[in-house]
Amino acid sequence: MLVPVENTPGGMQPQPASHRVGNIKLSAPMQKSDSHPDSTRPQHPIELRLESRVQLFEVPSPSPLGLWVLNSQISEYIAEHAKAIGKDVPIKLKVHLLANEMVDAADIPGAIRAHFESCYNQQRKTLGRVLYDGRVTLAVGMVFLILVNGLAEPIRAAFERRFLIGVANGLEIFGWVAMWRPAELLLYDWIPVRRQMKLMSRLVVMEIECQARP
């Protein structure tokens, strides 16, 4: 969200909206101006202003696998604002640190990319599980549907009582209801996972710049 500005002779530019999470100042990307073609639209980077590099991470040391776990609020913030950036526009992250923290800043870009690469791999595994469960439930559902329909037909053919005809119809309905879960998995549940995978793949290769702040 931009703060409106008047058209002044000085040509003031709108400033990006920002807020704080604890001592961390977060600045959202500026909205794209419709007066520019797609290829030349200015893109304000996502910015983090930190007191210390430790604020970036959940714990002050890497995991046993050597991975740094990015602060959950910062990770969510970056991901949410990256969604607003056009798919053809490279994502850029600026991390502003105090001057005395810049000594240890060289490994920050790699740690952030490794975090989002881990998120990408997790989403890929989730997608695999969704598709696997979809195939298994589809096979189970089809077998069940064939069985209940095979049971319903003899009941309907052998009996004319309304109750037993209702039982046969109920079995058929039950068989089709059993197909709901595989349909949900294979038609819908994989879509948000795939979308998140694409977002994480963009964050893995985003440009990350560390700068000294006053």
C-alpha atoms as a PDB file:
ATOM      1  CA  MET A   1       0.000   0.000   0.000  1.00  0.00           C
ATOM      2  CA  LEU A   2       1.457   3.378  -1.031  1.00  0.00           C
ATOM      3  CA  VAL A   3       1.217   6.665   0.785  1.00  0.00           C
ATOM      4  CA  PRO A   4      -0.382   9.130  -1.682  1.00  0.00           C
ATOM      5  CA  VAL A   5       1.751  12.105  -2.634  1.00  0.00           C
ATOM      6  CA  GLU A   6       0.942  15.316  -4.425  1.00  0.00           C
ATOM      7  CA  ASN A   7       2.362  16.103  -7.853  1.00  0.00           C
ATOM      8  CA  THR A   8       5.062  18.569  -6.893  1.00  0.00           C
ATOM      9  CA  PRO A   9       7.700  20.341  -8.943  1.00  0.00           C
ATOM     10  CA  GLY A  10      10.301  18.323  -7.068  1.00  0.00           C
ATOM     11  CA  GLY A  11       8.941  15.120  -8.562  1.00  0.00           C
ATOM     12  CA  MET A  12       8.496  13.322  -5.232  1.00  0.00           C
ATOM     13  CA  GLN A  13       8.139   9.573  -5.588  1.00  0.00           C
ATOM     14  CA  PRO A  14       5.723   7.463  -3.509  1.00  0.00           C
ATOM     15  CA  GLN A  15       7.409   5.681  -0.643  1.00  0.00           C
ATOM     16  CA  PRO A  16       6.912   1.982  -0.018  1.00  0.00           C
ATOM     17  CA  ALA A  17       4.721   0.968   2.907  1.00  0.00           C
ATOM     18  CA  SER A  18       6.638  -0.469   5.835  1.00  0.00           C
ATOM     19  CA  HIS A  19       6.051  -1.899   9.290  1.00  0.00           C
ATOM     20  CA  ARG A  20       8.010  -3.477  12.094  1.00  0.00           C
ATOM     21  CA  VAL A  21       8.310  -6.988  13.498  1.00  0.00           C
ATOM     22  CA  GLY A  22      10.036  -6.461  16.820  1.00  0.00           C
ATOM     23  CA  ASN A  23      13.199  -4.509  16.015  1.00  0.00           C
ATOM     24  CA  ILE A  24      13.054  -5.453  12.349  1.00  0.00           C
ATOM     25  CA  LYS A  25      11.763  -2.904   9.850  1.00  0.00           C
ATOM     26  CA  LEU A  26      10.131  -4.451   6.798  1.00  0.00           C
ATOM     27  CA  SER A  27       9.521  -2.522   3.587  1.00  0.00           C
ATOM     28  CA  ALA A  28       7.121  -3.854   0.983  1.00  0.00           C
ATOM     29  CA  PRO A  29       7.819  -3.591  -2.741  1.00  0.00           C
ATOM     30  CA  MET A  30       6.415  -0.508  -4.449  1.00  0.00           C
ATOM     31  CA  GLN A  31       3.391  -1.105  -6.686  1.00  0.00           C
ATOM     32  CA  LYS A  32       4.164  -1.006 -10.382  1.00  0.00           C
ATOM     33  CA  SER A  33       3.174   2.109 -12.265  1.00  0.00           C
ATOM     34  CA  ASP A  34       0.862   1.593 -15.257  1.00  0.00           C
ATOM     35  CA  SER A  35       2.639   4.415 -17.088  1.00  0.00           C
ATOM     36  CA  HIS A  36       5.626   2.153 -17.804  1.00  0.00           C
ATOM     37  CA  PRO A  37       5.787  -0.785 -20.207  1.00  0.00           C
ATOM     38  CA  ASP A  38       6.181  -4.206 -18.579  1.00  0.00           C
ATOM     39  CA  SER A  39       9.879  -4.420 -19.422  1.00  0.00           C
ATOM     40  CA  THR A  40      10.741  -1.025 -17.864  1.00  0.00           C
ATOM     41  CA  ARG A  41       8.448  -0.853 -14.846  1.00  0.00           C
ATOM     42  CA  PRO A  42      10.409   0.159 -11.731  1.00  0.00           C
ATOM     43  CA  GLN A  43      10.473  -2.470  -9.007  1.00  0.00           C
ATOM     44  CA  HIS A  44      11.213  -1.484  -5.445  1.00  0.00           C
ATOM     45  CA  PRO A  45      13.076  -4.290  -3.652  1.00  0.00           C
ATOM     46  CA  ILE A  46      11.874  -6.028  -0.520  1.00  0.00           C
ATOM     47  CA  GLU A  47      13.876  -4.537   2.318  1.00  0.00           C
ATOM     48  CA  LEU A  48      14.809  -5.680   5.829  1.00  0.00           C
ATOM     49  CA  ARG A  49      16.411  -3.339   8.357  1.00  0.00           C
ATOM     50  CA  LEU A  50      18.071  -5.290  11.151  1.00  0.00           C
ATOM     51  CA  GLU A  51      19.955  -4.503  14.304  1.00  0.00           C
ATOM     52  CA  SER A  52      21.803  -7.831  14.062  1.00  0.00           C
ATOM     53  CA  ARG A  53      22.087 -10.727  11.619  1.00  0.00           C
ATOM     54  CA  VAL A  54      20.840 -13.019  14.397  1.00  0.00           C
ATOM     55  CA  GLN A  55      17.382 -11.478  13.947  1.00  0.00           C
ATOM     56  CA  LEU A  56      17.154 -13.180  10.569  1.00  0.00           C
ATOM     57  CA  PHE A  57      17.110 -16.671  12.023  1.00  0.00           C
ATOM     58  CA  GLU A  58      14.998 -18.667  14.460  1.00  0.00           C
ATOM     59  CA  VAL A  59      18.066 -19.885  16.351  1.00  0.00           C
ATOM     60  CA  PRO A  60      21.564 -18.355  16.554  1.00  0.00           C
ATOM     61  CA  SER A  61      23.237 -21.428  15.049  1.00  0.00           C
ATOM     62  CA  PRO A  62      22.546 -23.682  12.046  1.00  0.00           C
ATOM     63  CA  SER A  63      20.656 -26.957  12.310  1.00  0.00           C
ATOM     64  CA  PRO A  64      22.532 -30.294  12.590  1.00  0.00           C
ATOM     65  CA  LEU A  65      22.245 -30.476   8.787  1.00  0.00           C
ATOM     66  CA  GLY A  66      24.088 -27.174   8.475  1.00  0.00           C
ATOM     67  CA  LEU A  67      21.009 -25.182   7.429  1.00  0.00           C
ATOM     68  CA  TRP A  68      19.955 -21.862   8.900  1.00  0.00           C
ATOM     69  CA  VAL A  69      16.226 -21.606   9.637  1.00  0.00           C
ATOM     70  CA  LEU A  70      14.936 -18.198   8.611  1.00  0.00           C
ATOM     71  CA  ASN A  71      12.729 -16.355  11.105  1.00  0.00           C
ATOM     72  CA  SER A  72       9.184 -17.509  10.318  1.00  0.00           C
ATOM     73  CA  GLN A  73       7.733 -13.989  10.218  1.00  0.00           C
ATOM     74  CA  ILE A  74      10.478 -12.764   7.907  1.00  0.00           C
ATOM     75  CA  SER A  75      10.152 -15.832   5.671  1.00  0.00           C
ATOM     76  CA  GLU A  76       6.392 -15.362   5.402  1.00  0.00           C
ATOM     77  CA  TYR A  77       6.824 -11.643   4.794  1.00  0.00           C
ATOM     78  CA  ILE A  78       9.280 -12.195   1.938  1.00  0.00           C
ATOM     79  CA  ALA A  79       7.109 -14.888   0.355  1.00  0.00           C
ATOM     80  CA  GLU A  80       3.893 -12.875   0.598  1.00  0.00           C
ATOM     81  CA  HIS A  81       5.393  -9.773  -0.981  1.00  0.00           C
ATOM     82  CA  ALA A  82       7.198 -11.795  -3.630  1.00  0.00           C
ATOM     83  CA  LYS A  83       3.773 -12.978  -4.822  1.00  0.00           C
ATOM     84  CA  ALA A  84       2.914  -9.376  -5.690  1.00  0.00           C
ATOM     85  CA  ILE A  85       5.941  -9.071  -7.965  1.00  0.00           C
ATOM     86  CA  GLY A  86       5.315  -9.954 -11.600  1.00  0.00           C
ATOM     87  CA  LYS A  87       6.448 -13.398 -12.685  1.00  0.00           C
ATOM     88  CA  ASP A  88       8.788 -11.899 -15.278  1.00  0.00           C
ATOM     89  CA  VAL A  89      10.305  -9.411 -12.832  1.00  0.00           C
ATOM     90  CA  PRO A  90      13.361 -10.602 -10.867  1.00  0.00           C
ATOM     91  CA  ILE A  91      12.929 -10.522  -7.107  1.00  0.00           C
ATOM     92  CA  LYS A  92      15.445  -8.514  -5.133  1.00  0.00           C
ATOM     93  CA  LEU A  93      15.974  -8.522  -1.370  1.00  0.00           C
ATOM     94  CA  LYS A  94      17.962  -5.847   0.446  1.00  0.00           C
ATOM     95  CA  VAL A  95      19.173  -6.568   3.969  1.00  0.00           C
ATOM     96  CA  HIS A  96      20.310  -3.486   5.861  1.00  0.00           C
ATOM     97  CA  LEU A  97      22.650  -4.162   8.790  1.00  0.00           C
ATOM     98  CA  LEU A  98      24.567  -2.031  11.230  1.00  0.00           C
ATOM     99  CA  ALA A  99      28.116  -1.354  10.045  1.00  0.00           C
ATOM    100  CA  ASN A 100      29.690  -3.546  12.724  1.00  0.00           C
ATOM    101  CA  GLU A 101      27.492  -6.476  11.595  1.00  0.00           C
ATOM    102  CA  MET A 102      28.709  -6.342   7.991  1.00  0.00           C
ATOM    103  CA  VAL A 103      31.779  -8.398   8.904  1.00  0.00           C
ATOM    104  CA  ASP A 104      29.611 -11.520   9.139  1.00  0.00           C
ATOM    105  CA  ALA A 105      27.235 -10.571   6.314  1.00  0.00           C
ATOM    106  CA  ALA A 106      28.938 -12.515   3.527  1.00  0.00           C
ATOM    107  CA  ASP A 107      27.163 -15.772   4.350  1.00  0.00           C
ATOM    108  CA  ILE A 108      23.680 -14.224   4.680  1.00  0.00           C
ATOM    109  CA  PRO A 109      22.662 -14.527   0.975  1.00  0.00           C
ATOM    110  CA  GLY A 110      23.664 -18.196   0.899  1.00  0.00           C
ATOM    111  CA  ALA A 111      21.811 -18.920   4.158  1.00  0.00           C
ATOM    112  CA  ILE A 112      18.619 -17.263   2.889  1.00  0.00           C
ATOM    113  CA  ARG A 113      18.750 -19.102  -0.434  1.00  0.00           C
ATOM    114  CA  ALA A 114      19.418 -22.404   1.356  1.00  0.00           C
ATOM    115  CA  HIS A 115      16.348 -21.797   3.531  1.00  0.00           C
ATOM    116  CA  PHE A 116      14.081 -21.281   0.519  1.00  0.00           C
ATOM    117  CA  GLU A 117      15.684 -24.218  -1.286  1.00  0.00           C
ATOM    118  CA  SER A 118      14.760 -26.359   1.723  1.00  0.00           C
ATOM    119  CA  CYS A 119      11.202 -24.966   1.517  1.00  0.00           C
ATOM    120  CA  TYR A 120      11.123 -25.835  -2.197  1.00  0.00           C
ATOM    121  CA  ASN A 121      12.224 -29.403  -1.489  1.00  0.00           C
ATOM    122  CA  GLN A 122       9.563 -29.744   1.205  1.00  0.00           C
ATOM    123  CA  GLN A 123       6.869 -28.553  -1.199  1.00  0.00           C
ATOM    124  CA  ARG A 124       8.144 -30.961  -3.845  1.00  0.00           C
ATOM    125  CA  LYS A 125       7.834 -33.840  -1.377  1.00  0.00           C
ATOM    126  CA  THR A 126       4.354 -32.646  -0.432  1.00  0.00           C
ATOM    127  CA  LEU A 127       3.351 -32.603  -4.100  1.00  0.00           C
ATOM    128  CA  GLY A 128       4.672 -36.145  -4.506  1.00  0.00           C
ATOM    129  CA  ARG A 129       2.647 -37.318  -1.500  1.00  0.00           C
ATOM    130  CA  VAL A 130      -0.519 -35.614  -2.768  1.00  0.00           C
ATOM    131  CA  LEU A 131      -0.224 -37.254  -6.197  1.00  0.00           C
ATOM    132  CA  TYR A 132       0.688 -40.639  -4.686  1.00  0.00           C
ATOM    133  CA  ASP A 133      -2.274 -40.501  -2.287  1.00  0.00           C
ATOM    134  CA  GLY A 134      -4.462 -39.457  -5.197  1.00  0.00           C
ATOM    135  CA  ARG A 135      -3.455 -42.504  -7.228  1.00  0.00           C
ATOM    136  CA  VAL A 136      -3.900 -44.884  -4.282  1.00  0.00           C
ATOM    137  CA  THR A 137      -7.308 -43.499  -3.294  1.00  0.00           C
ATOM    138  CA  LEU A 138      -8.385 -43.558  -6.951  1.00  0.00           C
ATOM    139  CA  ALA A 139      -7.535 -47.269  -7.204  1.00  0.00           C
ATOM    140  CA  VAL A 140      -9.314 -48.026  -3.910  1.00  0.00           C
ATOM    141  CA  GLY A 141     -12.305 -45.920  -4.897  1.00  0.00           C
ATOM    142  CA  MET A 142     -12.643 -47.581  -8.302  1.00  0.00           C
ATOM    143  CA  VAL A 143     -12.509 -51.079  -6.780  1.00  0.00           C
ATOM    144  CA  PHE A 144     -15.082 -50.107  -4.165  1.00  0.00           C
ATOM    145  CA  LEU A 145     -17.329 -48.501  -6.787  1.00  0.00           C
ATOM    146  CA  ILE A 146     -17.245 -51.651  -8.931  1.00  0.00           C
ATOM    147  CA  LEU A 147     -17.998 -53.871  -5.908  1.00  0.00           C
ATOM    148  CA  VAL A 148     -20.969 -51.876  -4.625  1.00  0.00           C
ATOM    149  CA  ASN A 149     -22.424 -51.504  -8.098  1.00  0.00           C
ATOM    150  CA  GLY A 150     -21.943 -55.219  -8.653  1.00  0.00           C
ATOM    151  CA  LEU A 151     -23.796 -55.845  -5.384  1.00  0.00           C
ATOM    152  CA  ALA A 152     -26.565 -53.350  -6.094  1.00  0.00           C
ATOM    153  CA  GLU A 153     -27.543 -54.798  -9.477  1.00  0.00           C
ATOM    154  CA  PRO A 154     -28.456 -58.338  -8.189  1.00  0.00           C
ATOM    155  CA  ILE A 155     -30.433 -56.799  -5.306  1.00  0.00           C
ATOM    156  CA  ARG A 156     -32.390 -54.616  -7.713  1.00  0.00           C
ATOM    157  CA  ALA A 157     -32.988 -57.550 -10.100  1.00  0.00           C
ATOM    158  CA  ALA A 158     -33.996 -60.098  -7.436  1.00  0.00           C
ATOM    159  CA  PHE A 159     -36.215 -57.980  -5.225  1.00  0.00           C
ATOM    160  CA  GLU A 160     -39.041 -55.600  -5.962  1.00  0.00           C
ATOM    161  CA  ARG A 161     -39.577 -54.359  -2.411  1.00  0.00           C
ATOM    162  CA  ARG A 162     -39.132 -50.616  -2.117  1.00  0.00           C
ATOM    163  CA  PHE A 163     -36.797 -50.897   0.881  1.00  0.00           C
ATOM    164  CA  LEU A 164     -34.357 -53.224  -0.884  1.00  0.00           C
ATOM    165  CA  ILE A 165     -34.460 -51.066  -4.028  1.00  0.00           C
ATOM    166  CA  GLY A 166     -33.524 -48.145  -1.776  1.00  0.00           C
ATOM    167  CA  VAL A 167     -30.639 -50.175  -0.334  1.00  0.00           C
ATOM    168  CA  ALA A 168     -29.375 -50.874  -3.856  1.00  0.00           C
ATOM    169  CA  ASN A 169     -29.586 -47.202  -4.782  1.00  0.00           C
ATOM    170  CA  GLY A 170     -27.826 -46.268  -1.548  1.00  0.00           C
ATOM    171  CA  LEU A 171     -24.962 -48.633  -2.325  1.00  0.00           C
ATOM    172  CA  GLU A 172     -24.468 -47.010  -5.720  1.00  0.00           C
ATOM    173  CA  ILE A 173     -24.474 -43.529  -4.191  1.00  0.00           C
ATOM    174  CA  PHE A 174     -22.022 -44.673  -1.523  1.00  0.00           C
ATOM    175  CA  GLY A 175     -19.720 -45.969  -4.268  1.00  0.00           C
ATOM    176  CA  TRP A 176     -19.684 -42.599  -6.039  1.00  0.00           C
ATOM    177  CA  VAL A 177     -19.132 -40.746  -2.772  1.00  0.00           C
ATOM    178  CA  ALA A 178     -15.998 -42.858  -2.253  1.00  0.00           C
ATOM    179  CA  MET A 179     -14.615 -41.242  -5.432  1.00  0.00           C
ATOM    180  CA  TRP A 180     -14.758 -37.759  -3.892  1.00  0.00           C
ATOM    181  CA  ARG A 181     -11.415 -37.963  -2.108  1.00  0.00           C
ATOM    182  CA  PRO A 182      -9.294 -39.063  -5.119  1.00  0.00           C
ATOM    183  CA  ALA A 183     -11.043 -36.443  -7.243  1.00  0.00           C
ATOM    184  CA  GLU A 184     -10.171 -33.759  -4.678  1.00  0.00           C
ATOM    185  CA  LEU A 185      -6.532 -34.833  -4.517  1.00  0.00           C
ATOM    186  CA  LEU A 186      -5.948 -35.220  -8.258  1.00  0.00           C
ATOM    187  CA  LEU A 187      -8.008 -32.258  -9.448  1.00  0.00           C
ATOM    188  CA  TYR A 188      -7.513 -29.594  -6.786  1.00  0.00           C
ATOM    189  CA  ASP A 189      -5.157 -30.271  -3.849  1.00  0.00           C
ATOM    190  CA  TRP A 190      -1.964 -30.307  -5.947  1.00  0.00           C
ATOM    191  CA  ILE A 191      -2.562 -26.829  -7.402  1.00  0.00           C
ATOM    192  CA  PRO A 192      -1.649 -24.680  -4.341  1.00  0.00           C
ATOM    193  CA  VAL A 193       1.362 -26.914  -3.652  1.00  0.00           C
ATOM    194  CA  ARG A 194       2.608 -26.487  -7.206  1.00  0.00           C
ATOM    195  CA  ARG A 195       2.050 -22.728  -6.966  1.00  0.00           C
ATOM    196  CA  GLN A 196       4.094 -22.588  -3.766  1.00  0.00           C
ATOM    197  CA  MET A 197       6.868 -24.612  -5.418  1.00  0.00           C
ATOM    198  CA  LYS A 198       7.111 -22.048  -8.217  1.00  0.00           C
ATOM    199  CA  LEU A 199       7.302 -19.221  -5.696  1.00  0.00           C
ATOM    200  CA  MET A 200      10.056 -20.956  -3.706  1.00  0.00           C
ATOM    201  CA  SER A 201      12.018 -21.605  -6.904  1.00  0.00           C
ATOM    202  CA  ARG A 202      11.947 -17.852  -7.621  1.00  0.00           C
ATOM    203  CA  LEU A 203      13.123 -17.039  -4.099  1.00  0.00           C
ATOM    204  CA  VAL A 204      16.019 -19.477  -4.391  1.00  0.00           C
ATOM    205  CA  VAL A 205      17.497 -17.465  -7.279  1.00  0.00           C
ATOM    206  CA  MET A 206      16.510 -13.953  -6.139  1.00  0.00           C
ATOM    207  CA  GLU A 207      19.173 -11.275  -5.882  1.00  0.00           C
ATOM    208  CA  ILE A 208      20.182 -10.618  -2.255  1.00  0.00           C
ATOM    209  CA  GLU A 209      22.175  -7.551  -1.297  1.00  0.00           C
ATOM    210  CA  CYS A 210      23.509  -6.697   2.151  1.00  0.00           C
ATOM    211  CA  GLN A 211      24.127  -3.026   2.892  1.00  0.00           C
ATOM    212  CA  ALA A 212      25.439  -1.102   5.887  1.00  0.00           C
ATOM    213  CA  ARG A 213      22.900   1.127   7.602  1.00  0.00           C
ATOM    214  CA  PRO A 214      23.542   4.142   9.877  1.00  0.00           C
END
